[in-house]
N, C-alpha and C. Protein backbone atom coordinates (compact mmCIF):
# COMPACT_ATOMS: atom_id res chain seq x y z
N MET A 1 182.89 80.17 49.94
CA MET A 1 183.40 80.52 48.69
C MET A 1 182.86 79.57 47.55
N ILE A 2 182.44 80.53 46.67
CA ILE A 2 182.12 79.70 45.58
C ILE A 2 182.64 80.20 44.42
N ARG A 3 182.90 79.32 43.26
CA ARG A 3 183.32 79.77 42.11
C ARG A 3 182.68 80.61 41.34
N CYS A 4 183.20 81.59 40.78
CA CYS A 4 182.24 82.86 40.13
C CYS A 4 181.54 82.36 38.78
N ASP A 5 182.12 81.18 38.27
CA ASP A 5 181.69 80.82 36.67
C ASP A 5 180.30 79.54 37.12
N GLN A 6 179.91 79.53 38.17
CA GLN A 6 178.84 78.41 38.52
C GLN A 6 177.48 79.16 39.25
N GLY A 7 177.54 80.47 39.17
CA GLY A 7 176.29 81.10 39.60
C GLY A 7 176.50 80.84 41.36
N LEU A 8 175.33 81.24 41.82
CA LEU A 8 175.06 81.37 43.44
C LEU A 8 174.25 79.93 43.78
N PRO A 9 174.61 79.31 44.63
CA PRO A 9 173.88 78.25 44.86
C PRO A 9 172.33 78.59 45.71
N ARG A 10 171.45 77.75 45.49
CA ARG A 10 169.87 78.26 45.65
C ARG A 10 169.97 78.54 47.23
N ALA A 11 170.77 77.91 47.84
CA ALA A 11 170.55 78.12 49.44
C ALA A 11 170.79 79.14 50.03
N ILE A 12 171.81 79.98 49.34
CA ILE A 12 172.20 81.29 50.12
C ILE A 12 171.34 82.43 49.31
N GLU A 13 171.06 82.15 48.28
CA GLU A 13 170.42 83.49 47.48
C GLU A 13 169.61 84.71 48.42
N ASN A 14 168.71 83.70 49.16
CA ASN A 14 167.58 84.41 50.08
C ASN A 14 168.37 85.30 51.20
N GLN A 15 169.38 84.41 51.72
CA GLN A 15 170.20 85.23 52.78
C GLN A 15 171.13 86.28 52.29
N LEU A 16 171.74 86.39 50.98
CA LEU A 16 172.44 87.18 50.49
C LEU A 16 171.53 88.44 50.24
N GLU A 17 170.55 88.34 49.95
CA GLU A 17 169.46 89.38 49.51
C GLU A 17 168.85 90.01 50.85
N THR A 18 168.81 89.46 51.83
CA THR A 18 168.52 89.76 53.04
C THR A 18 169.48 90.51 53.89
N CYS A 19 170.80 90.00 53.70
CA CYS A 19 171.87 90.45 54.47
C CYS A 19 172.68 91.60 53.52
N TRP A 20 172.10 92.21 52.18
CA TRP A 20 172.81 92.99 51.78
C TRP A 20 173.54 94.13 51.93
N ASN A 21 172.54 95.06 52.84
CA ASN A 21 173.13 96.09 53.79
C ASN A 21 174.41 95.84 54.39
N ALA A 22 174.34 94.75 54.98
CA ALA A 22 175.51 94.26 55.74
C ALA A 22 176.74 93.97 54.76
N ILE A 23 176.60 93.30 53.72
CA ILE A 23 177.40 93.11 52.63
C ILE A 23 178.33 94.33 52.06
N THR A 24 177.32 95.45 51.81
CA THR A 24 177.77 96.59 51.14
C THR A 24 178.48 97.42 52.38
N LYS A 25 178.32 97.38 53.62
CA LYS A 25 178.95 98.01 54.69
C LYS A 25 180.41 97.45 54.77
N LEU A 26 180.32 96.20 54.56
CA LEU A 26 181.65 95.44 54.60
C LEU A 26 182.47 95.72 53.51
N ALA A 27 181.85 95.88 52.20
CA ALA A 27 182.77 96.23 50.90
C ALA A 27 183.29 97.74 51.02
N GLY A 28 182.40 98.59 51.65
CA GLY A 28 182.96 99.69 51.74
C GLY A 28 184.18 100.07 52.88
N ALA A 29 184.01 99.25 53.75
CA ALA A 29 185.41 98.89 54.80
C ALA A 29 186.43 98.25 53.86
N LEU A 30 186.23 97.49 53.09
CA LEU A 30 187.33 96.78 52.24
C LEU A 30 187.83 97.83 51.34
N PHE A 31 187.09 98.58 50.77
CA PHE A 31 187.59 99.55 49.71
C PHE A 31 188.66 100.63 50.17
N VAL A 32 187.99 100.96 51.78
CA VAL A 32 188.82 102.12 52.38
C VAL A 32 190.19 101.47 52.77
N ASP A 33 190.52 100.46 53.24
CA ASP A 33 191.34 99.59 53.60
C ASP A 33 192.09 98.72 52.79
N GLY A 34 191.65 98.34 52.07
CA GLY A 34 192.24 97.53 51.11
C GLY A 34 192.42 95.95 51.88
N ARG A 35 192.33 95.86 53.09
CA ARG A 35 192.34 94.53 53.57
C ARG A 35 191.20 94.56 55.08
N MET A 36 191.01 93.30 55.29
CA MET A 36 189.96 93.50 56.54
C MET A 36 190.59 92.15 57.52
N ASP A 37 190.47 92.84 58.80
CA ASP A 37 190.68 91.71 59.86
C ASP A 37 189.42 91.56 60.66
N ASP A 38 189.56 91.03 61.92
CA ASP A 38 188.31 90.88 62.34
C ASP A 38 187.73 92.05 63.18
N ARG A 39 188.79 92.83 63.43
CA ARG A 39 188.31 94.34 64.29
C ARG A 39 187.36 95.09 63.21
N THR A 40 187.90 94.97 62.13
CA THR A 40 187.51 95.88 60.71
C THR A 40 185.87 95.38 60.66
N VAL A 41 186.03 94.02 60.57
CA VAL A 41 184.64 93.52 60.31
C VAL A 41 183.67 93.55 61.27
N ARG A 42 183.98 93.72 62.54
CA ARG A 42 183.16 94.00 63.61
C ARG A 42 182.93 94.99 63.54
N ALA A 43 183.76 96.27 63.63
CA ALA A 43 183.67 97.55 63.35
C ALA A 43 182.25 98.21 62.13
N ALA A 44 182.39 97.30 61.11
CA ALA A 44 181.73 97.65 60.08
C ALA A 44 180.19 97.43 60.12
N LEU A 45 180.02 96.01 60.87
CA LEU A 45 178.94 95.56 61.09
C LEU A 45 178.12 96.17 62.51
N GLY A 46 179.06 96.95 63.04
CA GLY A 46 178.41 97.49 64.64
C GLY A 46 178.52 96.59 65.78
N MET A 47 179.34 95.61 65.52
CA MET A 47 179.61 94.70 66.66
C MET A 47 180.72 95.28 67.55
N THR A 48 180.70 94.84 68.74
CA THR A 48 181.89 95.40 69.81
C THR A 48 182.51 94.46 70.29
N GLY A 49 182.62 93.25 70.13
CA GLY A 49 183.36 92.14 70.70
C GLY A 49 182.52 91.30 72.00
N ASP A 50 181.70 91.81 72.37
CA ASP A 50 180.96 91.06 73.49
C ASP A 50 180.22 90.03 72.85
N PRO A 51 180.31 89.03 73.29
CA PRO A 51 179.67 87.71 72.42
C PRO A 51 178.16 87.98 72.61
N ALA A 52 177.45 88.30 73.53
CA ALA A 52 176.22 88.58 73.74
C ALA A 52 175.33 89.66 72.93
N TYR A 53 176.27 90.85 72.77
CA TYR A 53 175.64 91.91 72.15
C TYR A 53 176.01 91.30 70.55
N ASP A 54 177.20 90.83 70.17
CA ASP A 54 177.40 90.76 68.66
C ASP A 54 176.33 89.58 68.30
N ARG A 55 175.84 88.60 69.06
CA ARG A 55 175.00 87.69 68.48
C ARG A 55 173.63 88.38 68.20
N MET A 56 173.06 89.40 69.13
CA MET A 56 171.99 90.28 68.84
C MET A 56 172.18 91.10 67.38
N VAL A 57 173.15 91.61 67.05
CA VAL A 57 173.54 92.42 65.80
C VAL A 57 173.55 91.49 64.97
N GLY A 58 174.00 90.42 65.07
CA GLY A 58 174.05 89.26 63.70
C GLY A 58 172.69 88.82 63.77
N ALA A 59 171.94 88.63 64.73
CA ALA A 59 170.48 88.04 64.61
C ALA A 59 169.76 89.46 63.74
N ALA A 60 169.85 90.44 64.04
CA ALA A 60 169.36 91.53 63.23
C ALA A 60 169.72 92.10 62.05
N ILE A 61 171.07 91.54 61.76
CA ILE A 61 171.52 91.70 60.44
C ILE A 61 170.64 90.43 59.49
N ARG A 62 170.71 89.08 59.98
CA ARG A 62 170.15 87.84 59.20
C ARG A 62 168.63 88.46 59.11
N CYS A 63 168.17 89.43 59.95
CA CYS A 63 166.60 89.69 59.50
C CYS A 63 166.33 90.64 58.48
N GLY A 64 167.48 91.32 57.99
CA GLY A 64 167.49 92.29 57.24
C GLY A 64 167.82 93.58 57.39
N ASP A 65 168.02 94.06 58.48
CA ASP A 65 168.34 95.28 59.07
C ASP A 65 169.84 95.70 58.91
N ALA A 66 169.97 96.97 58.45
CA ALA A 66 171.13 97.25 58.06
C ALA A 66 172.11 97.67 59.34
N PRO A 67 173.38 97.60 59.28
CA PRO A 67 174.20 97.74 60.31
C PRO A 67 174.01 99.34 60.27
N GLY A 68 174.01 99.80 61.92
CA GLY A 68 173.87 101.23 62.36
C GLY A 68 172.20 101.61 62.22
N SER A 69 171.47 100.58 61.74
CA SER A 69 170.01 101.35 61.51
C SER A 69 169.19 100.69 62.87
N PHE A 70 170.00 100.16 63.84
CA PHE A 70 169.11 99.60 64.84
C PHE A 70 169.84 99.70 66.02
N ALA A 71 169.17 99.81 67.30
CA ALA A 71 170.12 99.93 68.50
C ALA A 71 169.72 98.42 69.19
N VAL A 72 170.94 97.96 70.10
CA VAL A 72 170.63 96.64 70.67
C VAL A 72 170.97 97.02 72.17
N HIS A 73 169.95 96.57 72.82
CA HIS A 73 169.93 96.57 74.44
C HIS A 73 169.74 95.26 75.10
N LEU A 74 171.01 94.93 75.72
CA LEU A 74 171.23 93.56 76.47
C LEU A 74 170.14 93.71 77.64
N PRO A 75 169.77 92.60 78.14
CA PRO A 75 168.74 92.36 79.02
C PRO A 75 169.66 92.38 80.30
N TYR A 76 169.15 92.91 81.61
CA TYR A 76 170.05 92.98 82.80
C TYR A 76 170.12 91.49 83.48
N ALA A 77 171.36 91.17 83.95
CA ALA A 77 171.52 89.89 83.91
C ALA A 77 171.25 89.84 85.80
């Protein structure tokens, strides 16, 4: 968390810009429900709770892909 009167730290400005689509998805879910738990966050981001799958979704989001705009295919074990 940051104080709103201090502006954004330079270290996260690029990441916020890259991940803005995911942030707006979370904001939409928060607007509808008024609160968010882990399940709501995962659902808004397209995560399932499977650690391997969720890591790949997180990587796609950090690369700038909007949640729901990509497909994740896990490798066969």
